[in-house]
């Protein structure tokens, strides 16, 4: 079925299908769809975070994705914990948020984490601290961690079973994706 789709696409868009874009697009689309399906089956409240994270993971080779995914998980956990703690102790606002981001940076520095962990920590903190929900902030934090973790796991599984390859057009696909 996939082979028939590829052959029809090659006839319609010969230039695009001769590059690495077709294979990479199919690989990424399937992984993102699986991630969303699993998140919905798990009845996660904000299932869309899983495929968003999968999309990020799928832009790398397995080795690079594995290395950076550990940092993403640590950052997400850190942002979740600090965001939930601060949301329970203070009324979220501009000053609390700004100071929390500074504090995250210092914690990441003390723990010798890098900018990737800090980025994910900040994003998670913002979601937990600033988005108003009916549930307790720690519940939001846990859900966010689970959603991101699911996205990372699905992305890593697809990167392992459907590896990123150099394509015959001679281009290095990793150079054009950031």
C-alpha atoms as a PDB file:
ATOM      1  CA  UNK A   1       0.000   0.000   0.000  1.00  0.00           C
ATOM      2  CA  UNK A   2       2.806   2.419   0.892  1.00  0.00           C
ATOM      3  CA  UNK A   3       4.679   1.398  -2.262  1.00  0.00           C
ATOM      4  CA  UNK A   4       1.647   2.244  -4.436  1.00  0.00           C
ATOM      5  CA  UNK A   5       1.343   5.613  -2.707  1.00  0.00           C
ATOM      6  CA  UNK A   6       5.017   6.346  -3.317  1.00  0.00           C
ATOM      7  CA  UNK A   7       4.768   5.375  -6.996  1.00  0.00           C
ATOM      8  CA  UNK A   8       1.707   7.599  -7.546  1.00  0.00           C
ATOM      9  CA  UNK A   9       3.404  10.464  -5.731  1.00  0.00           C
ATOM     10  CA  UNK A  10       6.524  10.046  -7.853  1.00  0.00           C
ATOM     11  CA  UNK A  11       4.424  10.549 -10.969  1.00  0.00           C
ATOM     12  CA  UNK A  12       2.707  13.636  -9.563  1.00  0.00           C
ATOM     13  CA  UNK A  13       5.715  15.253  -7.920  1.00  0.00           C
ATOM     14  CA  UNK A  14       8.830  13.775  -9.496  1.00  0.00           C
ATOM     15  CA  UNK A  15      11.290  16.340  -8.148  1.00  0.00           C
ATOM     16  CA  UNK A  16      10.118  16.113  -4.513  1.00  0.00           C
ATOM     17  CA  UNK A  17      10.098  12.330  -4.539  1.00  0.00           C
ATOM     18  CA  UNK A  18      13.623  12.094  -5.893  1.00  0.00           C
ATOM     19  CA  UNK A  19      14.892  13.852  -2.819  1.00  0.00           C
ATOM     20  CA  UNK A  20      14.967  12.670   0.763  1.00  0.00           C
ATOM     21  CA  UNK A  21      11.841  14.681   1.597  1.00  0.00           C
ATOM     22  CA  UNK A  22       9.322  12.003   0.689  1.00  0.00           C
ATOM     23  CA  UNK A  23      10.841   9.275   2.849  1.00  0.00           C
ATOM     24  CA  UNK A  24      11.453  11.662   5.731  1.00  0.00           C
ATOM     25  CA  UNK A  25       7.931  13.105   5.506  1.00  0.00           C
ATOM     26  CA  UNK A  26       6.299   9.679   5.531  1.00  0.00           C
ATOM     27  CA  UNK A  27       8.539   8.519   8.393  1.00  0.00           C
ATOM     28  CA  UNK A  28       7.753  11.626  10.442  1.00  0.00           C
ATOM     29  CA  UNK A  29       4.033  11.597   9.646  1.00  0.00           C
ATOM     30  CA  UNK A  30       3.606   7.963  10.637  1.00  0.00           C
ATOM     31  CA  UNK A  31       5.534   8.457  13.886  1.00  0.00           C
ATOM     32  CA  UNK A  32       3.547  11.589  14.815  1.00  0.00           C
ATOM     33  CA  UNK A  33       0.246   9.854  14.058  1.00  0.00           C
ATOM     34  CA  UNK A  34       1.199   6.815  16.157  1.00  0.00           C
ATOM     35  CA  UNK A  35       2.246   9.103  18.999  1.00  0.00           C
ATOM     36  CA  UNK A  36      -1.111  10.910  18.907  1.00  0.00           C
ATOM     37  CA  UNK A  37      -3.011   7.617  18.735  1.00  0.00           C
ATOM     38  CA  UNK A  38      -1.186   6.206  21.762  1.00  0.00           C
ATOM     39  CA  UNK A  39      -1.699   9.429  23.728  1.00  0.00           C
ATOM     40  CA  UNK A  40      -5.413   9.395  22.920  1.00  0.00           C
ATOM     41  CA  UNK A  41      -5.689   5.710  23.828  1.00  0.00           C
ATOM     42  CA  UNK A  42      -4.084   6.580  27.173  1.00  0.00           C
ATOM     43  CA  UNK A  43      -6.710   9.339  27.529  1.00  0.00           C
ATOM     44  CA  UNK A  44      -4.115  12.011  28.157  1.00  0.00           C
ATOM     45  CA  UNK A  45      -5.745  15.411  28.681  1.00  0.00           C
ATOM     46  CA  UNK A  46      -3.475  17.259  26.273  1.00  0.00           C
ATOM     47  CA  UNK A  47      -2.573  14.449  23.905  1.00  0.00           C
ATOM     48  CA  UNK A  48      -1.183  16.885  21.341  1.00  0.00           C
ATOM     49  CA  UNK A  49       2.040  17.294  23.362  1.00  0.00           C
ATOM     50  CA  UNK A  50       3.052  13.721  22.533  1.00  0.00           C
ATOM     51  CA  UNK A  51       3.129  14.178  18.730  1.00  0.00           C
ATOM     52  CA  UNK A  52       4.677  17.642  19.078  1.00  0.00           C
ATOM     53  CA  UNK A  53       7.547  16.053  20.980  1.00  0.00           C
ATOM     54  CA  UNK A  54       7.717  13.171  18.500  1.00  0.00           C
ATOM     55  CA  UNK A  55       8.069  15.706  15.672  1.00  0.00           C
ATOM     56  CA  UNK A  56      11.042  17.226  17.479  1.00  0.00           C
ATOM     57  CA  UNK A  57      12.685  13.834  18.094  1.00  0.00           C
ATOM     58  CA  UNK A  58      12.171  12.674  14.501  1.00  0.00           C
ATOM     59  CA  UNK A  59      14.392  15.440  13.147  1.00  0.00           C
ATOM     60  CA  UNK A  60      17.503  13.607  14.337  1.00  0.00           C
ATOM     61  CA  UNK A  61      19.265  10.311  13.906  1.00  0.00           C
ATOM     62  CA  UNK A  62      18.736   7.711  16.637  1.00  0.00           C
ATOM     63  CA  UNK A  63      22.095   8.419  18.276  1.00  0.00           C
ATOM     64  CA  UNK A  64      21.543  12.166  18.391  1.00  0.00           C
ATOM     65  CA  UNK A  65      17.899  11.759  19.431  1.00  0.00           C
ATOM     66  CA  UNK A  66      18.816   9.404  22.282  1.00  0.00           C
ATOM     67  CA  UNK A  67      21.476  11.744  23.639  1.00  0.00           C
ATOM     68  CA  UNK A  68      19.310  14.851  23.540  1.00  0.00           C
ATOM     69  CA  UNK A  69      16.119  13.095  24.643  1.00  0.00           C
ATOM     70  CA  UNK A  70      17.631  12.350  28.044  1.00  0.00           C
ATOM     71  CA  UNK A  71      18.193  16.095  28.434  1.00  0.00           C
ATOM     72  CA  UNK A  72      14.639  16.832  27.305  1.00  0.00           C
ATOM     73  CA  UNK A  73      13.263  14.427  29.910  1.00  0.00           C
ATOM     74  CA  UNK A  74      15.358  15.924  32.709  1.00  0.00           C
ATOM     75  CA  UNK A  75      14.361  19.452  31.694  1.00  0.00           C
ATOM     76  CA  UNK A  76      10.685  18.546  31.473  1.00  0.00           C
ATOM     77  CA  UNK A  77      10.787  16.932  34.919  1.00  0.00           C
ATOM     78  CA  UNK A  78      12.575  19.952  36.387  1.00  0.00           C
ATOM     79  CA  UNK A  79      10.112  22.435  34.858  1.00  0.00           C
ATOM     80  CA  UNK A  80       7.183  20.308  35.988  1.00  0.00           C
ATOM     81  CA  UNK A  81       8.413  20.099  39.573  1.00  0.00           C
ATOM     82  CA  UNK A  82       9.333  23.773  39.935  1.00  0.00           C
ATOM     83  CA  UNK A  83       6.201  24.958  38.145  1.00  0.00           C
ATOM     84  CA  UNK A  84       3.922  22.865  40.351  1.00  0.00           C
ATOM     85  CA  UNK A  85       5.757  23.936  43.515  1.00  0.00           C
ATOM     86  CA  UNK A  86       5.597  27.629  42.664  1.00  0.00           C
ATOM     87  CA  UNK A  87       1.962  27.457  41.513  1.00  0.00           C
ATOM     88  CA  UNK A  88       1.041  25.969  44.900  1.00  0.00           C
ATOM     89  CA  UNK A  89       3.018  28.575  46.874  1.00  0.00           C
ATOM     90  CA  UNK A  90       2.490  31.767  44.867  1.00  0.00           C
ATOM     91  CA  UNK A  91      -0.079  33.406  42.672  1.00  0.00           C
ATOM     92  CA  UNK A  92       1.353  33.018  39.170  1.00  0.00           C
ATOM     93  CA  UNK A  93       2.198  36.313  37.509  1.00  0.00           C
ATOM     94  CA  UNK A  94       4.873  38.146  35.582  1.00  0.00           C
ATOM     95  CA  UNK A  95       7.333  38.525  38.463  1.00  0.00           C
ATOM     96  CA  UNK A  96       6.939  34.960  39.741  1.00  0.00           C
ATOM     97  CA  UNK A  97       7.284  33.637  36.205  1.00  0.00           C
ATOM     98  CA  UNK A  98      10.371  35.722  35.410  1.00  0.00           C
ATOM     99  CA  UNK A  99      12.077  34.786  38.672  1.00  0.00           C
ATOM    100  CA  UNK A 100      11.204  31.124  38.104  1.00  0.00           C
ATOM    101  CA  UNK A 101      12.887  31.169  34.691  1.00  0.00           C
ATOM    102  CA  UNK A 102      15.999  32.723  36.264  1.00  0.00           C
ATOM    103  CA  UNK A 103      15.918  30.097  39.017  1.00  0.00           C
ATOM    104  CA  UNK A 104      15.599  27.325  36.402  1.00  0.00           C
ATOM    105  CA  UNK A 105      18.681  28.653  34.651  1.00  0.00           C
ATOM    106  CA  UNK A 106      20.649  28.631  37.882  1.00  0.00           C
ATOM    107  CA  UNK A 107      19.470  25.111  38.746  1.00  0.00           C
ATOM    108  CA  UNK A 108      20.428  23.882  35.272  1.00  0.00           C
ATOM    109  CA  UNK A 109      23.838  25.490  35.724  1.00  0.00           C
ATOM    110  CA  UNK A 110      24.357  23.918  39.150  1.00  0.00           C
ATOM    111  CA  UNK A 111      23.312  20.511  37.785  1.00  0.00           C
ATOM    112  CA  UNK A 112      25.583  21.007  34.756  1.00  0.00           C
ATOM    113  CA  UNK A 113      22.693  20.609  32.346  1.00  0.00           C
ATOM    114  CA  UNK A 114      22.779  22.221  28.937  1.00  0.00           C
ATOM    115  CA  UNK A 115      20.541  24.603  27.007  1.00  0.00           C
ATOM    116  CA  UNK A 116      18.294  21.768  25.788  1.00  0.00           C
ATOM    117  CA  UNK A 117      17.315  20.792  29.338  1.00  0.00           C
ATOM    118  CA  UNK A 118      16.878  24.464  30.217  1.00  0.00           C
ATOM    119  CA  UNK A 119      14.670  25.044  27.152  1.00  0.00           C
ATOM    120  CA  UNK A 120      12.382  22.130  27.975  1.00  0.00           C
ATOM    121  CA  UNK A 121      12.341  23.092  31.658  1.00  0.00           C
ATOM    122  CA  UNK A 122      11.268  26.627  30.777  1.00  0.00           C
ATOM    123  CA  UNK A 123       8.570  25.503  28.362  1.00  0.00           C
ATOM    124  CA  UNK A 124       7.173  23.042  30.896  1.00  0.00           C
ATOM    125  CA  UNK A 125       7.317  25.576  33.714  1.00  0.00           C
ATOM    126  CA  UNK A 126       5.399  28.082  31.572  1.00  0.00           C
ATOM    127  CA  UNK A 127       2.698  25.527  30.793  1.00  0.00           C
ATOM    128  CA  UNK A 128       2.330  24.382  34.398  1.00  0.00           C
ATOM    129  CA  UNK A 129       2.580  27.832  35.954  1.00  0.00           C
ATOM    130  CA  UNK A 130       0.767  30.070  33.473  1.00  0.00           C
ATOM    131  CA  UNK A 131      -2.011  28.004  31.920  1.00  0.00           C
ATOM    132  CA  UNK A 132      -5.077  28.130  34.147  1.00  0.00           C
ATOM    133  CA  UNK A 133      -6.735  24.754  34.644  1.00  0.00           C
ATOM    134  CA  UNK A 134      -9.318  23.298  36.977  1.00  0.00           C
ATOM    135  CA  UNK A 135      -6.912  20.648  38.246  1.00  0.00           C
ATOM    136  CA  UNK A 136      -4.035  21.067  40.669  1.00  0.00           C
ATOM    137  CA  UNK A 137      -0.731  22.279  39.155  1.00  0.00           C
ATOM    138  CA  UNK A 138       1.081  19.068  40.116  1.00  0.00           C
ATOM    139  CA  UNK A 139      -1.492  17.059  38.123  1.00  0.00           C
ATOM    140  CA  UNK A 140      -0.848  19.295  35.112  1.00  0.00           C
ATOM    141  CA  UNK A 141       2.892  18.806  35.611  1.00  0.00           C
ATOM    142  CA  UNK A 142       2.630  15.039  35.781  1.00  0.00           C
ATOM    143  CA  UNK A 143       0.414  14.952  32.687  1.00  0.00           C
ATOM    144  CA  UNK A 144       2.867  17.155  30.805  1.00  0.00           C
ATOM    145  CA  UNK A 145       5.775  14.904  31.781  1.00  0.00           C
ATOM    146  CA  UNK A 146       3.874  11.797  30.662  1.00  0.00           C
ATOM    147  CA  UNK A 147       2.859  13.422  27.359  1.00  0.00           C
ATOM    148  CA  UNK A 148       6.412  14.521  26.569  1.00  0.00           C
ATOM    149  CA  UNK A 149       7.854  11.177  27.666  1.00  0.00           C
ATOM    150  CA  UNK A 150       5.420   9.335  25.418  1.00  0.00           C
ATOM    151  CA  UNK A 151       6.388  11.552  22.483  1.00  0.00           C
ATOM    152  CA  UNK A 152      10.070  10.937  23.122  1.00  0.00           C
ATOM    153  CA  UNK A 153       9.632   7.175  23.424  1.00  0.00           C
ATOM    154  CA  UNK A 154       7.593   6.922  20.201  1.00  0.00           C
ATOM    155  CA  UNK A 155      10.120   9.119  18.382  1.00  0.00           C
ATOM    156  CA  UNK A 156      13.024   6.986  19.600  1.00  0.00           C
ATOM    157  CA  UNK A 157      11.263   3.739  18.662  1.00  0.00           C
ATOM    158  CA  UNK A 158      10.606   5.031  15.146  1.00  0.00           C
ATOM    159  CA  UNK A 159      14.150   6.350  14.838  1.00  0.00           C
ATOM    160  CA  UNK A 160      15.356   2.850  15.755  1.00  0.00           C
ATOM    161  CA  UNK A 161      13.038   0.819  13.516  1.00  0.00           C
ATOM    162  CA  UNK A 162      12.975   3.297  10.625  1.00  0.00           C
ATOM    163  CA  UNK A 163      16.396   4.960  10.678  1.00  0.00           C
ATOM    164  CA  UNK A 164      17.259   8.210   8.983  1.00  0.00           C
ATOM    165  CA  UNK A 165      19.384   7.431   5.957  1.00  0.00           C
ATOM    166  CA  UNK A 166      21.442   9.419   3.559  1.00  0.00           C
ATOM    167  CA  UNK A 167      19.491   9.574   0.331  1.00  0.00           C
ATOM    168  CA  UNK A 168      20.752   8.944  -3.203  1.00  0.00           C
ATOM    169  CA  UNK A 169      20.379  12.555  -4.352  1.00  0.00           C
ATOM    170  CA  UNK A 170      23.683  13.259  -2.605  1.00  0.00           C
ATOM    171  CA  UNK A 171      22.239  15.721  -0.132  1.00  0.00           C
ATOM    172  CA  UNK A 172      22.713  15.473   3.588  1.00  0.00           C
ATOM    173  CA  UNK A 173      19.153  15.816   4.909  1.00  0.00           C
ATOM    174  CA  UNK A 174      20.280  16.618   8.452  1.00  0.00           C
ATOM    175  CA  UNK A 175      21.973  19.819   7.331  1.00  0.00           C
ATOM    176  CA  UNK A 176      18.720  21.411   6.201  1.00  0.00           C
ATOM    177  CA  UNK A 177      16.661  20.685   9.324  1.00  0.00           C
ATOM    178  CA  UNK A 178      17.264  22.464  12.612  1.00  0.00           C
END
